[in-house]
Amino acid sequence: MIENSELHRIIKDLCDKHSLYLEESREQEFRIYTDYSSGITIFLKLEKHSNLSFYFLQRTLDVVYHGDRTDVHVALSLMFSSFLRIFDLGISSSLFDIPHPIIPDEIWGRYIMPEQTPILFGINSKKKLVEVITKIIAMTAIWREILWQNIECPCEECFKKVNIDNTRGYDIPMDIETSMELLYKSNHINFGSRVRPNWDCYYDMKNEVTIIKSKGLSNFLRFALKLKTQNTTKIDGINGKLLLDGDIKNYIDSSTLKELNSLIKVLIKNKSKIYYNIIPLENMVITTVKDYIIALGRLAGRYEFKKEREQIRKRHNLESKFLFPVPEFEWMESVCPDQFEGLIKALLEREPNVVIVRKPAPINQSDKGRDLLIEWNVLDANIISDETPPTSSIKFVGQCKTGKKTIGKNKVQDIRDTLETHNSNGYFLAVNTQISAPLTEKLEELKDRGFWIEWWNKEEIESRLSNNQDLIPLFPKVIKAKSKIKFIEK
């Protein structure tokens, strides 16, 4: 799609424009650094089929921040990942600590790994690819500018101007300490304070609870929330709340909401009901109340959303209006299995973090239960280190099932045997209708046993087709658009 030399020139020009540093440029891989104070590094990579993948690293050096820098990595990673979620692009990420190799109560940095990335959908031209890369770089620069407008810069030059010491403090405010002792028990804690940026940071690593007392950071989050242009649709589920921001979908369990309420009530000693915005990520929920930032490490991502949605599928029409809108597509009465498989393969090849998709054998020939073989880059916290981001390449066995009714367990049998036979750790299922509740439970059981599980039903397929409408005419025996296909750039 684009030569590496041309892409290098484009990215170098963008870095110069935004005062960022292109630290490394290899074949289809680029590493971009902000500055010593901000500590964000952008990693860009072009996979096969010109798929773009990216992630971020929050890591600072003692050039600016003296002493244990756990508080910096925690505070700035929360600010950056919140901004990604709120700002125009809409990116929901998972955060992973990089553990200190010797000291158990310190971290060396954090990986910020985007998981829900609508910005990557529909990249089918060089122009679109450059637009997306431009937005990622510009967004990082905008975050940095807004952040340092709200909190005081900690660079050496600024410290000399005001003649103060930037030594890290190790005392914790009484209000935070008392609140945490009432609600949690832990011996795995990191806490401390700084003058610039001005904050008191408490990180309970065992219970995954962070409290930061900082007027500047609280103002930053409030300002960022004002920039949010899209209203969040909130729907009461059976076990919690579903949150929808366009193509970004999160879920917050009722127990997490209760925990947040209890923490806020104890922390600010206010018995009246307090309204606060929640910023949900894949494995974190963040909010700000008065001068406090509160973050809980709790699962709140796409997978939790899908599980809860399956439980409320048959609920009333108001919820259906948001969760299952009237489709823009018309499926054939008898879907051609061969073309359906081809459609899924084409969509997978455009899916972020999918490296390669192969068909092992023609349809109707013996393939030992395989329709597709997929190599997928997934998040894997078990391999995290200072040098290695929490990603690994997993072999998936993919199956495509068609029918006129809900696909049940009887249509998908011997999954585990198939995985073991073909030495795969992941299972992917695509259906043109829905999957039954028993089949959902079966897939969740496999996930609990350590297998990587992903499935697409009718809604997931249509959502991806809406961003890849150039594929629709290629599979006339599967689906067609109800109205005229949108302009597709050649």
Protein backbone atom coordinates (compact mmCIF):
# COMPACT_ATOMS: atom_id res chain seq x y z
CA MET A 1 0.00 0.00 0.00
CA ILE A 2 2.83 2.40 0.88
CA GLU A 3 6.61 2.19 0.71
CA ASN A 4 8.54 2.24 3.99
CA SER A 5 10.69 5.21 2.90
CA GLU A 6 7.61 7.28 2.11
CA LEU A 7 5.97 6.35 5.40
CA HIS A 8 9.18 7.21 7.27
CA ARG A 9 9.19 10.68 5.69
CA ILE A 10 5.52 11.26 6.54
CA ILE A 11 5.95 10.18 10.18
CA LYS A 12 9.18 12.20 10.55
CA ASP A 13 7.40 15.32 9.29
CA LEU A 14 4.53 14.73 11.74
CA CYS A 15 6.97 14.31 14.63
CA ASP A 16 8.76 17.54 13.73
CA LYS A 17 5.45 19.37 13.48
CA HIS A 18 4.35 18.23 16.97
CA SER A 19 7.79 18.35 18.66
CA LEU A 20 7.99 14.59 19.10
CA TYR A 21 11.01 12.36 18.52
CA LEU A 22 11.16 9.56 15.95
CA GLU A 23 13.48 7.30 17.97
CA GLU A 24 13.49 4.29 15.68
CA SER A 25 12.31 3.48 12.17
CA ARG A 26 12.63 -0.05 10.84
CA GLU A 27 10.81 -1.95 8.11
CA GLN A 28 7.14 -1.15 8.78
CA GLU A 29 7.83 -0.39 12.49
CA PHE A 30 8.18 3.02 14.13
CA ARG A 31 8.84 4.22 17.70
CA ILE A 32 7.95 7.81 18.65
CA TYR A 33 8.77 9.48 21.99
CA THR A 34 7.11 12.50 23.57
CA ASP A 35 9.59 13.90 26.14
CA TYR A 36 11.16 13.14 29.52
CA SER A 37 8.33 14.83 31.46
CA SER A 38 5.43 13.11 29.66
CA GLY A 39 7.11 9.74 29.14
CA ILE A 40 4.76 8.37 26.46
CA THR A 41 6.18 6.29 23.61
CA ILE A 42 4.07 5.41 20.56
CA PHE A 43 4.75 2.10 18.80
CA LEU A 44 3.36 1.79 15.25
CA LYS A 45 3.53 -1.34 13.12
CA LEU A 46 2.17 -2.31 9.70
CA GLU A 47 1.14 -5.96 9.60
CA LYS A 48 0.45 -8.01 6.50
CA HIS A 49 -2.40 -6.74 4.30
CA SER A 50 -1.27 -3.24 5.45
CA ASN A 51 -3.13 -3.62 8.76
CA LEU A 52 -1.98 -1.00 11.26
CA SER A 53 -1.43 -1.87 14.91
CA PHE A 54 -0.24 0.41 17.69
CA TYR A 55 0.31 0.58 21.43
CA PHE A 56 1.84 2.93 23.99
CA LEU A 57 4.40 2.73 26.78
CA GLN A 58 4.41 5.02 29.82
CA ARG A 59 7.97 5.07 31.15
CA THR A 60 9.96 7.92 32.65
CA LEU A 61 13.59 8.34 33.64
CA ASP A 62 15.19 9.99 36.66
CA VAL A 63 16.27 12.87 34.42
CA VAL A 64 13.06 14.60 35.56
CA TYR A 65 11.47 12.51 38.32
CA HIS A 66 13.76 11.57 41.20
CA GLY A 67 13.31 8.54 43.42
CA ASP A 68 10.80 5.73 42.91
CA ARG A 69 8.75 6.70 39.84
CA THR A 70 5.82 4.33 40.37
CA ASP A 71 3.55 7.28 41.16
CA VAL A 72 4.45 8.96 37.86
CA HIS A 73 3.81 5.85 35.79
CA VAL A 74 0.47 5.28 37.52
CA ALA A 75 -0.77 8.88 37.37
CA LEU A 76 0.29 9.71 33.80
CA SER A 77 -0.86 6.36 32.35
CA LEU A 78 -4.31 6.94 33.88
CA MET A 79 -4.44 10.45 32.42
CA PHE A 80 -3.34 9.29 28.98
CA SER A 81 -5.59 6.23 28.73
CA SER A 82 -8.56 8.31 29.97
CA PHE A 83 -7.85 10.88 27.28
CA LEU A 84 -7.70 8.17 24.62
CA ARG A 85 -11.11 6.92 25.74
CA ILE A 86 -12.73 10.36 25.94
CA PHE A 87 -11.19 12.18 23.01
CA ASP A 88 -12.32 12.21 19.40
CA LEU A 89 -10.77 8.88 18.37
CA GLY A 90 -12.47 6.80 21.07
CA ILE A 91 -9.98 4.11 22.12
CA SER A 92 -10.58 1.69 24.99
CA SER A 93 -7.34 0.22 26.35
CA SER A 94 -5.99 -2.25 28.87
CA LEU A 95 -3.22 -1.17 31.24
CA PHE A 96 -0.42 -3.52 32.32
CA ASP A 97 2.19 -2.80 34.99
CA ILE A 98 5.83 -3.55 34.20
CA PRO A 99 7.02 -5.06 37.50
CA HIS A 100 10.29 -3.98 39.07
CA PRO A 101 12.70 -6.95 38.82
CA ILE A 102 13.76 -6.64 42.46
CA ILE A 103 11.44 -4.40 44.48
CA PRO A 104 7.89 -5.86 44.67
CA ASP A 105 6.15 -2.56 45.50
CA GLU A 106 7.50 -0.61 42.52
CA ILE A 107 6.73 -0.64 38.81
CA TRP A 108 9.03 0.40 35.98
CA GLY A 109 6.30 1.63 33.69
CA ARG A 110 2.99 0.70 32.12
CA TYR A 111 1.91 -0.63 28.77
CA ILE A 112 -1.25 0.97 27.39
CA MET A 113 -2.67 -1.55 24.94
CA PRO A 114 -5.61 -0.39 22.77
CA GLU A 115 -8.26 -3.10 22.39
CA GLN A 116 -11.34 -1.33 21.01
CA THR A 117 -10.05 0.76 18.12
CA PRO A 118 -12.78 1.90 15.69
CA ILE A 119 -10.23 4.27 14.19
CA LEU A 120 -8.58 1.24 12.53
CA PHE A 121 -11.76 0.04 10.80
CA GLY A 122 -12.00 0.47 7.05
CA ILE A 123 -8.35 1.31 6.25
CA ASN A 124 -8.47 0.43 2.56
CA SER A 125 -6.22 3.06 0.98
CA LYS A 126 -2.91 4.86 1.49
CA LYS A 127 -4.77 8.10 2.16
CA LYS A 128 -6.83 6.53 4.94
CA LEU A 129 -3.75 4.92 6.50
CA VAL A 130 -1.92 8.25 6.62
CA GLU A 131 -5.01 9.95 8.11
CA VAL A 132 -5.16 7.42 10.94
CA ILE A 133 -1.43 7.68 11.74
CA THR A 134 -1.72 11.47 11.68
CA LYS A 135 -4.58 11.35 14.19
CA ILE A 136 -2.73 9.04 16.57
CA ILE A 137 0.35 11.27 16.62
CA ALA A 138 -1.63 14.52 16.83
CA MET A 139 -3.83 13.12 19.62
CA THR A 140 -0.77 12.31 21.73
CA ALA A 141 0.59 15.83 21.24
CA ILE A 142 -2.78 17.36 22.16
CA TRP A 143 -2.90 15.28 25.35
CA ARG A 144 0.53 16.52 26.34
CA GLU A 145 -0.37 20.15 25.72
CA ILE A 146 -3.62 20.00 27.72
CA LEU A 147 -2.01 18.04 30.55
CA TRP A 148 0.78 20.56 31.16
CA GLN A 149 -1.67 23.42 30.94
CA ASN A 150 -3.46 21.97 33.97
CA ILE A 151 -0.48 20.84 36.07
CA GLU A 152 2.89 22.45 36.66
CA CYS A 153 5.78 21.26 34.50
CA PRO A 154 8.38 19.18 36.43
CA CYS A 155 11.35 19.82 34.15
CA GLU A 156 14.67 21.00 35.62
CA GLU A 157 14.40 24.42 34.00
CA CYS A 158 11.03 25.10 35.65
CA PHE A 159 12.31 23.94 39.05
CA LYS A 160 15.23 26.35 38.84
CA LYS A 161 12.88 29.25 38.11
CA VAL A 162 10.94 28.73 41.35
CA ASN A 163 13.95 27.46 43.34
CA ILE A 164 12.31 24.34 44.83
CA ASP A 165 13.42 20.74 45.26
CA ASN A 166 11.81 17.98 43.21
CA THR A 167 12.59 15.17 45.64
CA ARG A 168 9.79 12.61 45.93
CA GLY A 169 7.99 12.50 49.28
CA TYR A 170 6.97 9.25 50.96
CA ASP A 171 4.23 10.46 53.31
CA ILE A 172 0.59 9.69 52.66
CA PRO A 173 -2.26 12.12 53.48
CA MET A 174 -4.36 11.07 56.45
CA ASP A 175 -7.66 11.20 54.52
CA ILE A 176 -6.46 8.64 51.95
CA GLU A 177 -4.79 6.39 54.52
CA THR A 178 -7.85 6.32 56.80
CA SER A 179 -10.24 5.62 53.92
CA MET A 180 -8.17 2.75 52.56
CA GLU A 181 -7.72 1.14 55.98
CA LEU A 182 -11.50 1.11 56.45
CA LEU A 183 -12.21 -0.65 53.15
CA TYR A 184 -9.14 -2.69 52.20
CA LYS A 185 -6.42 -4.81 53.72
CA SER A 186 -3.14 -4.98 51.83
CA ASN A 187 0.60 -5.20 52.37
CA HIS A 188 1.45 -4.47 48.75
CA ILE A 189 1.24 -0.68 48.55
CA ASN A 190 3.13 2.16 46.90
CA PHE A 191 2.48 5.76 47.98
CA GLY A 192 4.15 9.13 47.92
CA SER A 193 3.92 12.76 46.89
CA ARG A 194 5.53 15.35 44.62
CA VAL A 195 5.66 19.12 44.51
CA ARG A 196 5.64 19.37 40.71
CA PRO A 197 3.45 17.89 39.43
CA ASN A 198 1.58 18.42 42.66
CA TRP A 199 -0.05 15.18 43.75
CA ASP A 200 -0.35 12.56 46.47
CA CYS A 201 -0.54 9.10 44.93
CA TYR A 202 -1.64 5.88 46.65
CA TYR A 203 -1.53 2.59 44.72
CA ASP A 204 -2.78 -0.62 46.38
CA MET A 205 -1.34 -3.23 44.02
CA LYS A 206 -3.05 -6.17 45.70
CA ASN A 207 -6.60 -4.77 45.51
CA GLU A 208 -5.88 -2.75 42.34
CA VAL A 209 -7.06 0.52 43.83
CA THR A 210 -5.50 3.90 43.03
CA ILE A 211 -6.28 7.22 44.71
CA ILE A 212 -4.57 10.40 43.56
CA LYS A 213 -5.15 13.68 45.33
CA SER A 214 -4.40 16.46 42.85
CA LYS A 215 -6.38 19.53 41.92
CA GLY A 216 -4.47 19.81 38.63
CA LEU A 217 -5.13 16.24 37.47
CA SER A 218 -8.75 16.47 38.56
CA ASN A 219 -9.12 19.66 36.50
CA PHE A 220 -7.45 17.92 33.55
CA LEU A 221 -10.00 15.07 33.57
CA ARG A 222 -12.92 17.47 33.91
CA PHE A 223 -11.61 19.52 31.00
CA ALA A 224 -11.12 16.39 28.89
CA LEU A 225 -14.68 15.28 29.63
CA LYS A 226 -15.93 18.63 28.31
CA LEU A 227 -14.19 17.87 25.00
CA LYS A 228 -16.24 14.70 24.61
CA THR A 229 -18.56 15.22 21.66
CA GLN A 230 -20.56 11.98 21.76
CA ASN A 231 -23.15 11.26 24.41
CA THR A 232 -22.82 7.96 26.24
CA THR A 233 -25.85 5.69 26.11
CA LYS A 234 -26.30 3.95 29.47
CA ILE A 235 -28.48 0.87 29.72
CA ASP A 236 -29.31 -1.03 32.90
CA GLY A 237 -28.40 -4.67 32.47
CA ILE A 238 -29.09 -7.60 34.73
CA ASN A 239 -25.81 -7.43 36.65
CA GLY A 240 -24.61 -3.91 35.92
CA LYS A 241 -24.62 -1.10 33.37
CA LEU A 242 -23.81 -1.23 29.67
CA LEU A 243 -22.13 1.88 28.24
CA LEU A 244 -22.12 2.65 24.51
CA ASP A 245 -20.11 5.40 22.80
CA GLY A 246 -20.61 4.78 19.09
CA ASP A 247 -18.57 1.67 18.29
CA ILE A 248 -16.98 1.56 21.77
CA LYS A 249 -18.79 -0.75 24.19
CA ASN A 250 -18.02 -1.18 27.89
CA TYR A 251 -19.73 -2.77 30.87
CA ILE A 252 -19.49 -1.96 34.58
CA ASP A 253 -20.56 -4.59 37.08
CA SER A 254 -22.90 -3.56 39.91
CA SER A 255 -20.33 -4.68 42.48
CA THR A 256 -17.78 -2.27 40.96
CA LEU A 257 -20.28 0.59 41.11
CA LYS A 258 -21.03 -0.24 44.73
CA GLU A 259 -17.32 -0.33 45.53
CA LEU A 260 -16.81 3.08 43.93
CA ASN A 261 -19.73 4.57 45.88
CA SER A 262 -18.39 3.21 49.17
CA LEU A 263 -14.91 4.54 48.49
CA ILE A 264 -16.15 8.01 47.54
CA LYS A 265 -18.44 8.18 50.57
CA VAL A 266 -15.60 7.32 52.96
CA LEU A 267 -12.99 9.44 51.19
CA ILE A 268 -14.82 12.75 51.06
CA LYS A 269 -17.06 12.14 54.11
CA ASN A 270 -20.23 13.13 52.31
CA LYS A 271 -23.43 11.25 53.08
CA SER A 272 -25.46 12.84 50.29
CA LYS A 273 -25.60 11.31 46.84
CA ILE A 274 -22.78 12.50 44.59
CA TYR A 275 -22.90 12.50 40.81
CA TYR A 276 -19.69 11.56 39.01
CA ASN A 277 -18.66 10.50 35.52
CA ILE A 278 -17.04 7.11 35.03
CA ILE A 279 -14.41 6.57 32.35
CA PRO A 280 -14.45 2.83 31.54
CA LEU A 281 -11.47 1.05 30.01
CA GLU A 282 -10.99 -2.65 29.27
CA ASN A 283 -9.51 -3.47 32.69
CA MET A 284 -9.96 -0.23 34.62
CA VAL A 285 -12.68 2.22 35.69
CA ILE A 286 -11.67 5.80 36.45
CA THR A 287 -13.49 8.76 37.95
CA THR A 288 -12.80 12.12 39.56
CA VAL A 289 -14.57 13.60 42.59
CA LYS A 290 -13.53 16.97 43.98
CA ASP A 291 -9.71 16.91 43.98
CA TYR A 292 -9.42 13.12 43.86
CA ILE A 293 -8.81 10.69 41.01
CA ILE A 294 -10.05 7.16 41.78
CA ALA A 295 -9.19 4.15 39.62
CA LEU A 296 -10.20 0.54 40.18
CA GLY A 297 -8.57 -2.28 38.25
CA ARG A 298 -11.75 -4.14 37.23
CA LEU A 299 -12.76 -5.83 33.98
CA ALA A 300 -15.10 -3.49 32.09
CA GLY A 301 -14.37 -4.19 28.45
CA ARG A 302 -15.79 -5.57 25.25
CA TYR A 303 -15.91 -9.19 26.38
CA GLU A 304 -17.83 -8.34 29.58
CA PHE A 305 -20.20 -6.23 27.48
CA LYS A 306 -20.90 -9.14 25.15
CA LYS A 307 -21.61 -11.54 28.00
CA GLU A 308 -24.07 -9.15 29.62
CA ARG A 309 -25.71 -8.32 26.30
CA GLU A 310 -26.47 -11.97 25.64
CA GLN A 311 -28.39 -12.10 28.91
CA ILE A 312 -30.63 -9.16 28.04
CA ARG A 313 -31.15 -9.89 24.34
CA LYS A 314 -34.90 -10.40 24.69
CA ARG A 315 -35.54 -7.34 26.81
CA HIS A 316 -37.87 -4.51 25.90
CA ASN A 317 -37.83 -2.44 22.73
CA LEU A 318 -36.12 0.62 24.18
CA GLU A 319 -32.98 -1.36 24.92
CA SER A 320 -33.22 -3.15 21.59
CA LYS A 321 -33.23 0.23 19.88
CA PHE A 322 -29.68 0.87 21.08
CA LEU A 323 -28.23 -2.64 21.29
CA PHE A 324 -29.81 -4.26 18.20
CA PRO A 325 -30.77 -1.50 15.76
CA VAL A 326 -32.74 -2.15 12.56
CA PRO A 327 -30.12 -3.63 10.23
CA GLU A 328 -28.77 -1.81 7.20
CA PHE A 329 -28.20 -5.17 5.50
CA GLU A 330 -30.33 -7.96 4.10
CA TRP A 331 -29.10 -11.51 4.51
CA MET A 332 -29.90 -14.12 1.91
CA GLU A 333 -32.54 -16.62 2.99
CA SER A 334 -30.10 -19.46 2.36
CA VAL A 335 -26.59 -18.18 2.97
CA CYS A 336 -23.90 -19.82 0.82
CA PRO A 337 -21.44 -21.44 3.28
CA ASP A 338 -18.49 -21.04 0.90
CA GLN A 339 -19.12 -17.33 0.35
CA PHE A 340 -19.84 -16.77 4.06
CA GLU A 341 -16.47 -18.27 4.89
CA GLY A 342 -14.87 -16.02 2.27
CA LEU A 343 -16.56 -12.95 3.75
CA ILE A 344 -15.34 -13.78 7.25
CA LYS A 345 -11.81 -14.35 5.93
CA ALA A 346 -11.86 -10.94 4.19
CA LEU A 347 -13.12 -9.19 7.34
CA LEU A 348 -10.54 -10.93 9.51
CA GLU A 349 -7.76 -9.81 7.18
CA ARG A 350 -8.79 -6.21 7.95
CA GLU A 351 -9.18 -6.81 11.67
CA PRO A 352 -6.66 -5.00 13.89
CA ASN A 353 -3.93 -7.34 15.20
CA VAL A 354 -4.78 -10.21 12.83
CA VAL A 355 -1.51 -11.18 11.15
CA ILE A 356 -2.60 -13.81 8.63
CA VAL A 357 -5.68 -15.88 7.72
CA ARG A 358 -5.50 -19.11 5.72
CA LYS A 359 -8.03 -21.62 4.39
CA PRO A 360 -6.64 -25.10 4.99
CA ALA A 361 -8.84 -26.91 2.49
CA PRO A 362 -11.71 -26.25 0.05
CA ILE A 363 -15.22 -26.34 1.48
CA ASN A 364 -16.82 -29.79 1.88
CA GLN A 365 -13.40 -31.50 1.94
CA SER A 366 -11.92 -33.03 5.05
CA ASP A 367 -10.34 -30.27 7.14
CA LYS A 368 -10.66 -31.90 10.58
CA GLY A 369 -13.07 -29.26 11.84
CA ARG A 370 -11.19 -26.24 10.50
CA ASP A 371 -12.61 -23.60 8.18
CA LEU A 372 -9.86 -21.03 8.79
CA LEU A 373 -6.43 -20.88 10.40
CA ILE A 374 -5.75 -17.50 11.99
CA GLU A 375 -2.65 -15.98 13.52
CA TRP A 376 -3.82 -13.30 15.96
CA ASN A 377 -1.81 -10.96 18.17
CA VAL A 378 -3.55 -10.92 21.56
CA LEU A 379 -2.90 -9.37 24.95
CA ASP A 380 -1.12 -11.72 27.32
CA ALA A 381 -0.20 -10.33 30.75
CA ASN A 382 1.79 -13.49 31.53
CA ILE A 383 4.70 -12.42 29.30
CA ILE A 384 5.02 -8.80 30.39
CA SER A 385 8.51 -7.44 31.03
CA ASP A 386 10.51 -4.26 30.72
CA GLU A 387 11.46 -5.21 27.15
CA THR A 388 8.36 -7.08 26.03
CA PRO A 389 4.82 -5.68 25.74
CA PRO A 390 1.99 -7.95 26.91
CA THR A 391 1.25 -9.41 23.48
CA SER A 392 1.74 -12.82 21.97
CA SER A 393 0.90 -14.42 18.65
CA ILE A 394 -1.80 -17.06 19.08
CA LYS A 395 -2.91 -19.70 16.58
CA PHE A 396 -6.70 -19.74 16.27
CA VAL A 397 -8.86 -22.39 14.68
CA GLY A 398 -11.75 -20.59 13.00
CA GLN A 399 -15.14 -22.09 12.17
CA CYS A 400 -17.97 -20.51 10.18
CA LYS A 401 -21.53 -21.75 10.75
CA THR A 402 -24.62 -20.71 8.82
CA GLY A 403 -28.26 -21.32 9.52
CA LYS A 404 -31.72 -19.77 9.63
CA LYS A 405 -32.04 -20.02 13.40
CA THR A 406 -29.85 -19.59 16.47
CA ILE A 407 -26.70 -21.70 16.30
CA GLY A 408 -26.58 -24.13 19.23
CA LYS A 409 -24.13 -26.54 20.83
CA ASN A 410 -25.19 -29.31 18.48
CA LYS A 411 -23.72 -27.38 15.53
CA VAL A 412 -20.38 -26.76 17.26
CA GLN A 413 -19.00 -29.93 18.77
CA ASP A 414 -15.62 -31.25 19.90
CA ILE A 415 -14.04 -27.77 20.06
CA ARG A 416 -11.39 -28.76 22.56
CA ASP A 417 -10.42 -31.87 20.60
CA THR A 418 -10.10 -29.74 17.46
CA LEU A 419 -7.85 -27.24 19.27
CA GLU A 420 -5.61 -29.96 20.66
CA THR A 421 -5.45 -31.86 17.37
CA HIS A 422 -4.22 -28.80 15.51
CA ASN A 423 -2.00 -27.44 18.29
CA SER A 424 -3.98 -24.24 18.65
CA ASN A 425 -4.69 -22.15 21.76
CA GLY A 426 -7.50 -20.05 20.32
CA TYR A 427 -10.97 -20.70 18.94
CA PHE A 428 -12.91 -18.31 16.70
CA LEU A 429 -16.54 -18.79 15.67
CA ALA A 430 -18.55 -16.76 13.15
CA VAL A 431 -22.30 -17.25 12.65
CA ASN A 432 -24.78 -15.44 10.44
CA THR A 433 -27.46 -15.44 13.17
CA GLN A 434 -26.85 -15.68 16.93
CA ILE A 435 -25.37 -18.27 19.25
CA SER A 436 -27.48 -19.93 21.92
CA ALA A 437 -27.08 -19.39 25.66
CA PRO A 438 -25.74 -22.95 26.19
CA LEU A 439 -23.16 -22.40 23.44
CA THR A 440 -22.17 -19.08 25.03
CA GLU A 441 -21.64 -20.89 28.34
CA LYS A 442 -19.57 -23.55 26.58
CA LEU A 443 -17.29 -20.90 25.05
CA GLU A 444 -16.94 -19.10 28.39
CA GLU A 445 -15.99 -22.42 30.02
CA LEU A 446 -13.20 -22.89 27.47
CA LYS A 447 -12.01 -19.34 28.15
CA ASP A 448 -11.89 -20.08 31.88
CA ARG A 449 -9.68 -23.10 31.09
CA GLY A 450 -7.07 -20.87 29.47
CA PHE A 451 -8.07 -20.93 25.80
CA TRP A 452 -8.42 -17.71 23.78
CA ILE A 453 -12.03 -17.35 22.62
CA GLU A 454 -13.62 -14.91 20.18
CA TRP A 455 -16.94 -15.07 18.36
CA TRP A 456 -18.84 -12.90 15.89
CA ASN A 457 -22.57 -13.06 15.51
CA LYS A 458 -24.81 -11.15 13.12
CA GLU A 459 -24.32 -7.80 14.89
CA GLU A 460 -20.51 -8.01 14.96
CA ILE A 461 -20.37 -8.92 11.27
CA GLU A 462 -22.72 -6.10 10.24
CA SER A 463 -20.77 -3.60 12.33
CA ARG A 464 -17.57 -4.50 10.51
CA LEU A 465 -19.27 -4.53 7.11
CA SER A 466 -20.52 -0.98 7.68
CA ASN A 467 -16.86 0.09 7.76
CA ASN A 468 -15.81 -2.19 4.88
CA GLN A 469 -18.67 -1.81 2.41
CA ASP A 470 -16.39 -2.41 -0.56
CA LEU A 471 -16.57 -6.12 0.37
CA ILE A 472 -20.37 -6.39 0.03
CA PRO A 473 -20.54 -6.83 -3.79
CA LEU A 474 -17.97 -9.65 -3.58
CA PHE A 475 -20.35 -11.94 -1.66
CA PRO A 476 -23.81 -11.64 -3.28
CA LYS A 477 -24.93 -15.05 -1.96
CA VAL A 478 -24.46 -13.91 1.63
CA ILE A 479 -25.62 -10.33 2.14
CA LYS A 480 -26.53 -7.09 0.42
CA ALA A 481 -27.04 -3.51 1.56
CA LYS A 482 -30.65 -2.35 1.91
CA SER A 483 -29.72 1.06 0.51
CA LYS A 484 -27.01 2.27 -1.82
CA ILE A 485 -23.48 1.34 -0.75
CA LYS A 486 -21.52 4.33 0.52
CA PHE A 487 -18.69 5.73 -1.57
CA ILE A 488 -15.65 3.48 -1.36
CA GLU A 489 -12.33 5.15 -2.04
CA LYS A 490 -10.27 3.28 -4.63
